[in-house]
PDB file of N, CA and C in Angstrom:
ATOM      1  N   MET A   1      24.820 107.844-153.925  1.00  0.00           N
ATOM      2  CA  MET A   1      23.630 108.639-153.888  1.00  0.00           C
ATOM      3  C   MET A   1      23.688 109.542-152.666  1.00  0.00           C
ATOM      4  N   LEU A   2      23.349 110.780-152.846  1.00  0.00           N
ATOM      5  CA  LEU A   2      23.341 111.766-151.773  1.00  0.00           C
ATOM      6  C   LEU A   2      21.889 112.068-151.427  1.00  0.00           C
ATOM      7  N   CYS A   3      21.509 111.839-150.174  1.00  0.00           N
ATOM      8  CA  CYS A   3      20.141 112.098-149.724  1.00  0.00           C
ATOM      9  C   CYS A   3      20.186 113.002-148.509  1.00  0.00           C
ATOM     10  N   PHE A   4      19.278 113.948-148.438  1.00  0.00           N
ATOM     11  CA  PHE A   4      19.162 114.755-147.229  1.00  0.00           C
ATOM     12  C   PHE A   4      17.738 115.254-147.090  1.00  0.00           C
ATOM     13  N   ARG A   5      17.382 115.576-145.863  1.00  0.00           N
ATOM     14  CA  ARG A   5      16.044 116.080-145.574  1.00  0.00           C
ATOM     15  C   ARG A   5      16.191 117.511-145.084  1.00  0.00           C
ATOM     16  N   ALA A   6      15.438 118.407-145.716  1.00  0.00           N
ATOM     17  CA  ALA A   6      15.468 119.810-145.326  1.00  0.00           C
ATOM     18  C   ALA A   6      14.043 120.334-145.300  1.00  0.00           C
ATOM     19  N   LEU A   7      13.665 120.925-144.204  1.00  0.00           N
ATOM     20  CA  LEU A   7      12.332 121.489-144.030  1.00  0.00           C
ATOM     21  C   LEU A   7      11.245 120.486-144.392  1.00  0.00           C
ATOM     22  N   GLY A   8      11.456 119.213-143.990  1.00  0.00           N
ATOM     23  CA  GLY A   8      10.473 118.176-144.225  1.00  0.00           C
ATOM     24  C   GLY A   8      10.462 117.600-145.630  1.00  0.00           C
ATOM     25  N   LYS A   9      11.354 118.078-146.494  1.00  0.00           N
ATOM     26  CA  LYS A   9      11.387 117.608-147.880  1.00  0.00           C
ATOM     27  C   LYS A   9      12.634 116.753-148.092  1.00  0.00           C
ATOM     28  N   LEU A  10      12.459 115.561-148.655  1.00  0.00           N
ATOM     29  CA  LEU A  10      13.585 114.678-148.930  1.00  0.00           C
ATOM     30  C   LEU A  10      14.181 115.036-150.278  1.00  0.00           C
ATOM     31  N   CYS A  11      15.474 115.319-150.293  1.00  0.00           N
ATOM     32  CA  CYS A  11      16.170 115.683-151.525  1.00  0.00           C
ATOM     33  C   CYS A  11      17.178 114.588-151.856  1.00  0.00           C
ATOM     34  N   ILE A  12      17.213 114.157-153.096  1.00  0.00           N
ATOM     35  CA  ILE A  12      18.122 113.092-153.533  1.00  0.00           C
ATOM     36  C   ILE A  12      18.899 113.575-154.743  1.00  0.00           C
ATOM     37  N   GLN A  13      20.213 113.389-154.703  1.00  0.00           N
ATOM     38  CA  GLN A  13      21.091 113.769-155.814  1.00  0.00           C
ATOM     39  C   GLN A  13      21.950 112.566-156.141  1.00  0.00           C
ATOM     40  N   ALA A  14      21.979 112.146-157.396  1.00  0.00           N
ATOM     41  CA  ALA A  14      22.809 111.014-157.813  1.00  0.00           C
ATOM     42  C   ALA A  14      24.263 111.450-157.898  1.00  0.00           C
ATOM     43  N   VAL A  15      25.158 110.623-157.378  1.00  0.00           N
ATOM     44  CA  VAL A  15      26.591 110.878-157.438  1.00  0.00           C
ATOM     45  C   VAL A  15      27.212 109.686-158.157  1.00  0.00           C
ATOM     46  N   SER A  16      27.994 109.957-159.191  1.00  0.00           N
ATOM     47  CA  SER A  16      28.535 108.860-159.995  1.00  0.00           C
ATOM     48  C   SER A  16      29.672 108.139-159.273  1.00  0.00           C
ATOM     49  N   ASP A  17      29.816 106.860-159.561  1.00  0.00           N
ATOM     50  CA  ASP A  17      30.876 106.018-159.022  1.00  0.00           C
ATOM     51  C   ASP A  17      32.081 106.120-159.950  1.00  0.00           C
ATOM     52  N   CYS A  18      33.256 106.385-159.388  1.00  0.00           N
ATOM     53  CA  CYS A  18      34.435 106.548-160.239  1.00  0.00           C
ATOM     54  C   CYS A  18      34.882 105.226-160.842  1.00  0.00           C
ATOM     55  N   GLY A  19      34.677 104.110-160.132  1.00  0.00           N
ATOM     56  CA  GLY A  19      34.953 102.793-160.670  1.00  0.00           C
ATOM     57  C   GLY A  19      36.417 102.406-160.777  1.00  0.00           C
ATOM     58  N   TRP A  20      37.346 103.203-160.288  1.00  0.00           N
ATOM     59  CA  TRP A  20      38.768 102.863-160.447  1.00  0.00           C
ATOM     60  C   TRP A  20      39.320 102.062-159.290  1.00  0.00           C
ATOM     61  N   CYS A  21      38.563 101.856-158.238  1.00  0.00           N
ATOM     62  CA  CYS A  21      39.019 101.044-157.111  1.00  0.00           C
ATOM     63  C   CYS A  21      37.938 100.027-156.786  1.00  0.00           C
ATOM     64  N   GLU A  22      38.275  98.770-156.921  1.00  0.00           N
ATOM     65  CA  GLU A  22      37.304  97.704-156.680  1.00  0.00           C
ATOM     66  C   GLU A  22      36.958  97.593-155.195  1.00  0.00           C
ATOM     67  N   ALA A  23      35.708  97.298-154.910  1.00  0.00           N
ATOM     68  CA  ALA A  23      35.287  97.051-153.530  1.00  0.00           C
ATOM     69  C   ALA A  23      35.954  95.775-153.032  1.00  0.00           C
ATOM     70  N   GLY A  24      36.485  95.811-151.830  1.00  0.00           N
ATOM     71  CA  GLY A  24      37.155  94.650-151.266  1.00  0.00           C
ATOM     72  C   GLY A  24      38.618  94.550-151.641  1.00  0.00           C
ATOM     73  N   GLY A  25      39.118  95.526-152.387  1.00  0.00           N
ATOM     74  CA  GLY A  25      40.532  95.513-152.767  1.00  0.00           C
ATOM     75  C   GLY A  25      41.424  95.850-151.589  1.00  0.00           C
ATOM     76  N   VAL A  26      42.705  95.568-151.736  1.00  0.00           N
ATOM     77  CA  VAL A  26      43.671  95.802-150.667  1.00  0.00           C
ATOM     78  C   VAL A  26      43.783  97.286-150.337  1.00  0.00           C
ATOM     79  N   LEU A  27      43.690  98.149-151.323  1.00  0.00           N
ATOM     80  CA  LEU A  27      43.827  99.589-151.095  1.00  0.00           C
ATOM     81  C   LEU A  27      42.534 100.266-150.658  1.00  0.00           C
ATOM     82  N   SER A  28      41.401  99.576-150.777  1.00  0.00           N
ATOM     83  CA  SER A  28      40.106 100.203-150.490  1.00  0.00           C
ATOM     84  C   SER A  28      40.028 100.870-149.113  1.00  0.00           C
ATOM     85  N   PRO A  29      40.427 100.205-148.009  1.00  0.00           N
ATOM     86  CA  PRO A  29      40.324 100.865-146.701  1.00  0.00           C
ATOM     87  C   PRO A  29      41.191 102.126-146.590  1.00  0.00           C
ATOM     88  N   CYS A  30      42.386 102.082-147.146  1.00  0.00           N
ATOM     89  CA  CYS A  30      43.281 103.254-147.084  1.00  0.00           C
ATOM     90  C   CYS A  30      42.724 104.402-147.913  1.00  0.00           C
ATOM     91  N   LEU A  31      42.263 104.099-149.117  1.00  0.00           N
ATOM     92  CA  LEU A  31      41.702 105.146-149.970  1.00  0.00           C
ATOM     93  C   LEU A  31      40.426 105.717-149.374  1.00  0.00           C
ATOM     94  N   PHE A  32      39.623 104.867-148.760  1.00  0.00           N
ATOM     95  CA  PHE A  32      38.398 105.339-148.105  1.00  0.00           C
ATOM     96  C   PHE A  32      38.743 106.291-146.970  1.00  0.00           C
ATOM     97  N   ALA A  33      39.734 105.938-146.155  1.00  0.00           N
ATOM     98  CA  ALA A  33      40.151 106.804-145.038  1.00  0.00           C
ATOM     99  C   ALA A  33      40.654 108.149-145.550  1.00  0.00           C
ATOM    100  N   LEU A  34      41.440 108.146-146.614  1.00  0.00           N
ATOM    101  CA  LEU A  34      41.928 109.405-147.197  1.00  0.00           C
ATOM    102  C   LEU A  34      40.769 110.248-147.721  1.00  0.00           C
ATOM    103  N   PHE A  35      39.812 109.604-148.371  1.00  0.00           N
ATOM    104  CA  PHE A  35      38.648 110.296-148.920  1.00  0.00           C
ATOM    105  C   PHE A  35      37.830 110.933-147.798  1.00  0.00           C
ATOM    106  N   ILE A  36      37.555 110.170-146.744  1.00  0.00           N
ATOM    107  CA  ILE A  36      36.762 110.682-145.622  1.00  0.00           C
ATOM    108  C   ILE A  36      37.497 111.825-144.924  1.00  0.00           C
ATOM    109  N   ASP A  37      38.812 111.683-144.725  1.00  0.00           N
ATOM    110  CA  ASP A  37      39.589 112.765-144.108  1.00  0.00           C
ATOM    111  C   ASP A  37      39.508 114.045-144.929  1.00  0.00           C
ATOM    112  N   SER A  38      39.566 113.914-146.259  1.00  0.00           N
ATOM    113  CA  SER A  38      39.496 115.103-147.104  1.00  0.00           C
ATOM    114  C   SER A  38      38.113 115.754-147.030  1.00  0.00           C
ATOM    115  N   ILE A  39      37.055 114.942-146.901  1.00  0.00           N
ATOM    116  CA  ILE A  39      35.705 115.493-146.758  1.00  0.00           C
ATOM    117  C   ILE A  39      35.595 116.284-145.454  1.00  0.00           C
ATOM    118  N   ILE A  40      36.055 115.686-144.356  1.00  0.00           N
ATOM    119  CA  ILE A  40      35.982 116.371-143.056  1.00  0.00           C
ATOM    120  C   ILE A  40      36.791 117.660-143.084  1.00  0.00           C
ATOM    121  N   PHE A  41      37.994 117.613-143.649  1.00  0.00           N
ATOM    122  CA  PHE A  41      38.842 118.807-143.728  1.00  0.00           C
ATOM    123  C   PHE A  41      38.162 119.901-144.543  1.00  0.00           C
ATOM    124  N   THR A  42      37.587 119.528-145.688  1.00  0.00           N
ATOM    125  CA  THR A  42      36.923 120.506-146.553  1.00  0.00           C
ATOM    126  C   THR A  42      35.739 121.150-145.852  1.00  0.00           C
ATOM    127  N   LEU A  43      34.925 120.340-145.188  1.00  0.00           N
ATOM    128  CA  LEU A  43      33.754 120.881-144.490  1.00  0.00           C
ATOM    129  C   LEU A  43      34.149 121.752-143.305  1.00  0.00           C
ATOM    130  N   ARG A  44      35.144 121.331-142.535  1.00  0.00           N
ATOM    131  CA  ARG A  44      35.597 122.127-141.391  1.00  0.00           C
ATOM    132  C   ARG A  44      36.148 123.464-141.869  1.00  0.00           C
ATOM    133  N   ARG A  45      36.920 123.438-142.948  1.00  0.00           N
ATOM    134  CA  ARG A  45      37.513 124.665-143.487  1.00  0.00           C
ATOM    135  C   ARG A  45      36.449 125.622-144.020  1.00  0.00           C
ATOM    136  N   SER A  46      35.324 125.075-144.505  1.00  0.00           N
ATOM    137  CA  SER A  46      34.259 125.934-145.037  1.00  0.00           C
ATOM    138  C   SER A  46      33.655 126.818-143.948  1.00  0.00           C
ATOM    139  N   GLY A  47      33.673 126.330-142.698  1.00  0.00           N
ATOM    140  CA  GLY A  47      33.145 127.112-141.587  1.00  0.00           C
ATOM    141  C   GLY A  47      31.629 127.211-141.574  1.00  0.00           C
ATOM    142  N   VAL A  48      30.948 126.392-142.357  1.00  0.00           N
ATOM    143  CA  VAL A  48      29.505 126.513-142.502  1.00  0.00           C
ATOM    144  C   VAL A  48      28.734 125.592-141.570  1.00  0.00           C
ATOM    145  N   GLY A  49      29.225 124.405-141.296  1.00  0.00           N
ATOM    146  CA  GLY A  49      28.501 123.412-140.501  1.00  0.00           C
ATOM    147  C   GLY A  49      28.367 123.806-139.046  1.00  0.00           C
ATOM    148  N   ALA A  50      27.946 122.857-138.240  1.00  0.00           N
ATOM    149  CA  ALA A  50      27.694 123.100-136.820  1.00  0.00           C
ATOM    150  C   ALA A  50      28.981 123.033-136.000  1.00  0.00           C
ATOM    151  N   PHE A  51      29.090 123.935-135.047  1.00  0.00           N
ATOM    152  CA  PHE A  51      30.201 123.950-134.096  1.00  0.00           C
ATOM    153  C   PHE A  51      29.610 123.962-132.694  1.00  0.00           C
ATOM    154  N   ILE A  52      30.155 123.141-131.816  1.00  0.00           N
ATOM    155  CA  ILE A  52      29.742 123.127-130.416  1.00  0.00           C
ATOM    156  C   ILE A  52      30.985 123.318-129.566  1.00  0.00           C
ATOM    157  N   GLY A  53      31.030 124.415-128.819  1.00  0.00           N
ATOM    158  CA  GLY A  53      32.179 124.706-127.972  1.00  0.00           C
ATOM    159  C   GLY A  53      33.484 124.792-128.756  1.00  0.00           C
ATOM    160  N   GLY A  54      33.426 125.290-129.974  1.00  0.00           N
ATOM    161  CA  GLY A  54      34.629 125.426-130.791  1.00  0.00           C
ATOM    162  C   GLY A  54      35.040 124.163-131.524  1.00  0.00           C
ATOM    163  N   HIS A  55      34.307 123.071-131.313  1.00  0.00           N
ATOM    164  CA  HIS A  55      34.610 121.805-131.987  1.00  0.00           C
ATOM    165  C   HIS A  55      33.653 121.620-133.163  1.00  0.00           C
ATOM    166  N   TYR A  56      34.198 121.220-134.295  1.00  0.00           N
ATOM    167  CA  TYR A  56      33.389 121.020-135.484  1.00  0.00           C
ATOM    168  C   TYR A  56      32.582 119.733-135.372  1.00  0.00           C
ATOM    169  N   VAL A  57      31.276 119.834-135.508  1.00  0.00           N
ATOM    170  CA  VAL A  57      30.390 118.669-135.522  1.00  0.00           C
ATOM    171  C   VAL A  57      29.447 118.757-136.724  1.00  0.00           C
ATOM    172  N   GLY A  58      29.943 119.297-137.814  1.00  0.00           N
ATOM    173  CA  GLY A  58      29.133 119.507-139.013  1.00  0.00           C
ATOM    174  C   GLY A  58      28.909 118.259-139.833  1.00  0.00           C
ATOM    175  N   CYS A  59      29.659 117.200-139.544  1.00  0.00           N
ATOM    176  CA  CYS A  59      29.382 115.920-140.208  1.00  0.00           C
ATOM    177  C   CYS A  59      29.611 114.802-139.207  1.00  0.00           C
ATOM    178  N   LEU A  60      28.628 113.926-139.131  1.00  0.00           N
ATOM    179  CA  LEU A  60      28.700 112.778-138.244  1.00  0.00           C
ATOM    180  C   LEU A  60      28.905 111.542-139.101  1.00  0.00           C
ATOM    181  N   LEU A  61      29.824 110.677-138.681  1.00  0.00           N
ATOM    182  CA  LEU A  61      30.194 109.512-139.479  1.00  0.00           C
ATOM    183  C   LEU A  61      29.957 108.231-138.703  1.00  0.00           C
ATOM    184  N   TYR A  62      29.449 107.229-139.412  1.00  0.00           N
ATOM    185  CA  TYR A  62      29.329 105.883-138.862  1.00  0.00           C
ATOM    186  C   TYR A  62      29.513 104.913-140.021  1.00  0.00           C
ATOM    187  N   ALA A  63      30.577 104.117-139.961  1.00  0.00           N
ATOM    188  CA  ALA A  63      30.933 103.196-141.043  1.00  0.00           C
ATOM    189  C   ALA A  63      31.079 103.990-142.340  1.00  0.00           C
ATOM    190  N   ASP A  64      30.241 103.722-143.334  1.00  0.00           N
ATOM    191  CA  ASP A  64      30.366 104.458-144.592  1.00  0.00           C
ATOM    192  C   ASP A  64      29.227 105.461-144.789  1.00  0.00           C
ATOM    193  N   ASP A  65      28.547 105.826-143.704  1.00  0.00           N
ATOM    194  CA  ASP A  65      27.461 106.804-143.759  1.00  0.00           C
ATOM    195  C   ASP A  65      27.959 108.148-143.249  1.00  0.00           C
ATOM    196  N   ILE A  66      27.536 109.210-143.905  1.00  0.00           N
ATOM    197  CA  ILE A  66      27.900 110.569-143.504  1.00  0.00           C
ATOM    198  C   ILE A  66      26.618 111.373-143.352  1.00  0.00           C
ATOM    199  N   MET A  67      26.475 112.058-142.217  1.00  0.00           N
ATOM    200  CA  MET A  67      25.335 112.931-142.006  1.00  0.00           C
ATOM    201  C   MET A  67      25.856 114.352-141.824  1.00  0.00           C
ATOM    202  N   LEU A  68      25.445 115.266-142.703  1.00  0.00           N
ATOM    203  CA  LEU A  68      25.830 116.662-142.577  1.00  0.00           C
ATOM    204  C   LEU A  68      24.870 117.347-141.609  1.00  0.00           C
ATOM    205  N   VAL A  69      25.417 118.164-140.707  1.00  0.00           N
ATOM    206  CA  VAL A  69      24.617 118.871-139.714  1.00  0.00           C
ATOM    207  C   VAL A  69      24.800 120.368-139.949  1.00  0.00           C
ATOM    208  N   CYS A  70      23.716 121.042-140.284  1.00  0.00           N
ATOM    209  CA  CYS A  70      23.752 122.484-140.524  1.00  0.00           C
ATOM    210  C   CYS A  70      22.529 123.130-139.886  1.00  0.00           C
ATOM    211  N   HIS A  71      22.610 124.425-139.695  1.00  0.00           N
ATOM    212  CA  HIS A  71      21.528 125.146-139.040  1.00  0.00           C
ATOM    213  C   HIS A  71      20.445 125.614-140.010  1.00  0.00           C
ATOM    214  N   SER A  72      20.706 125.549-141.323  1.00  0.00           N
ATOM    215  CA  SER A  72      19.711 126.014-142.286  1.00  0.00           C
ATOM    216  C   SER A  72      19.899 125.297-143.621  1.00  0.00           C
ATOM    217  N   LEU A  73      18.894 125.398-144.470  1.00  0.00           N
ATOM    218  CA  LEU A  73      18.969 124.813-145.801  1.00  0.00           C
ATOM    219  C   LEU A  73      20.062 125.485-146.625  1.00  0.00           C
ATOM    220  N   THR A  74      20.232 126.780-146.465  1.00  0.00           N
ATOM    221  CA  THR A  74      21.278 127.510-147.187  1.00  0.00           C
ATOM    222  C   THR A  74      22.657 126.992-146.804  1.00  0.00           C
ATOM    223  N   ALA A  75      22.877 126.756-145.519  1.00  0.00           N
ATOM    224  CA  ALA A  75      24.165 126.222-145.063  1.00  0.00           C
ATOM    225  C   ALA A  75      24.381 124.813-145.611  1.00  0.00           C
ATOM    226  N   MET A  76      23.320 124.018-145.664  1.00  0.00           N
ATOM    227  CA  MET A  76      23.426 122.666-146.211  1.00  0.00           C
ATOM    228  C   MET A  76      23.803 122.714-147.693  1.00  0.00           C
ATOM    229  N   GLN A  77      23.187 123.618-148.439  1.00  0.00           N
ATOM    230  CA  GLN A  77      23.513 123.757-149.855  1.00  0.00           C
ATOM    231  C   GLN A  77      24.946 124.236-150.043  1.00  0.00           C
ATOM    232  N   THR A  78      25.411 125.103-149.168  1.00  0.00           N
ATOM    233  CA  THR A  78      26.799 125.568-149.237  1.00  0.00           C
ATOM    234  C   THR A  78      27.756 124.417-148.985  1.00  0.00           C
ATOM    235  N   ASP A  79      27.472 123.590-147.979  1.00  0.00           N
ATOM    236  CA  ASP A  79      28.301 122.409-147.722  1.00  0.00           C
ATOM    237  C   ASP A  79      28.308 121.483-148.927  1.00  0.00           C
ATOM    238  N   ALA A  80      27.143 121.268-149.531  1.00  0.00           N
ATOM    239  CA  ALA A  80      27.062 120.395-150.711  1.00  0.00           C
ATOM    240  C   ALA A  80      27.873 120.970-151.867  1.00  0.00           C
ATOM    241  N   ARG A  81      27.865 122.296-152.025  1.00  0.00           N
ATOM    242  CA  ARG A  81      28.671 122.920-153.094  1.00  0.00           C
ATOM    243  C   ARG A  81      30.164 122.735-152.844  1.00  0.00           C
ATOM    244  N   TYR A  82      30.594 122.764-151.578  1.00  0.00           N
ATOM    245  CA  TYR A  82      32.000 122.515-151.264  1.00  0.00           C
ATOM    246  C   TYR A  82      32.391 121.085-151.607  1.00  0.00           C
ATOM    247  N   LEU A  83      31.489 120.151-151.334  1.00  0.00           N
ATOM    248  CA  LEU A  83      31.795 118.740-151.590  1.00  0.00           C
ATOM    249  C   LEU A  83      31.692 118.358-153.058  1.00  0.00           C
ATOM    250  N   PHE A  84      30.719 118.930-153.752  1.00  0.00           N
ATOM    251  CA  PHE A  84      30.480 118.586-155.154  1.00  0.00           C
ATOM    252  C   PHE A  84      30.420 119.844-156.002  1.00  0.00           C
ATOM    253  N   PRO A  85      31.586 120.476-156.262  1.00  0.00           N
ATOM    254  CA  PRO A  85      31.582 121.686-157.081  1.00  0.00           C
ATOM    255  C   PRO A  85      31.043 121.376-158.479  1.00  0.00           C
ATOM    256  N   GLY A  86      30.152 122.205-158.948  1.00  0.00           N
ATOM    257  CA  GLY A  86      29.547 121.988-160.258  1.00  0.00           C
ATOM    258  C   GLY A  86      28.540 120.875-160.259  1.00  0.00           C
ATOM    259  N   GLY A  87      28.074 120.466-159.073  1.00  0.00           N
ATOM    260  CA  GLY A  87      27.152 119.337-158.971  1.00  0.00           C
ATOM    261  C   GLY A  87      25.703 119.683-159.140  1.00  0.00           C
ATOM    262  N   GLY A  88      25.382 120.915-159.471  1.00  0.00           N
ATOM    263  CA  GLY A  88      23.994 121.278-159.710  1.00  0.00           C
ATOM    264  C   GLY A  88      23.217 121.639-158.463  1.00  0.00           C
ATOM    265  N   PHE A  89      23.896 121.917-157.340  1.00  0.00           N
ATOM    266  CA  PHE A  89      23.187 122.326-156.121  1.00  0.00           C
ATOM    267  C   PHE A  89      22.966 123.822-156.173  1.00  0.00           C
ATOM    268  N   THR A  90      21.715 124.239-156.060  1.00  0.00           N
ATOM    269  CA  THR A  90      21.420 125.680-156.132  1.00  0.00           C
ATOM    270  C   THR A  90      20.814 126.147-154.841  1.00  0.00           C
TER     271      THR A  90
END
């Protein structure tokens, strides 16, 4: 599930589970790391998120939580479109 707050409004978008990798499996940590790295790379390459002193800080990570940091709702929607192409974000 994708949740974000913009201009005081909570927005929720359902994201489907692929189901091909069981939780707790031997490959789960490696696949998770690859997935997270690809998300960070995609967002950094988009150039839309927040930058401080030339360093990308457009997504903050803690365990399995991701927080996107943008300066406007339009930038947030652009980041969401990069992550979920065809996901219905307008």
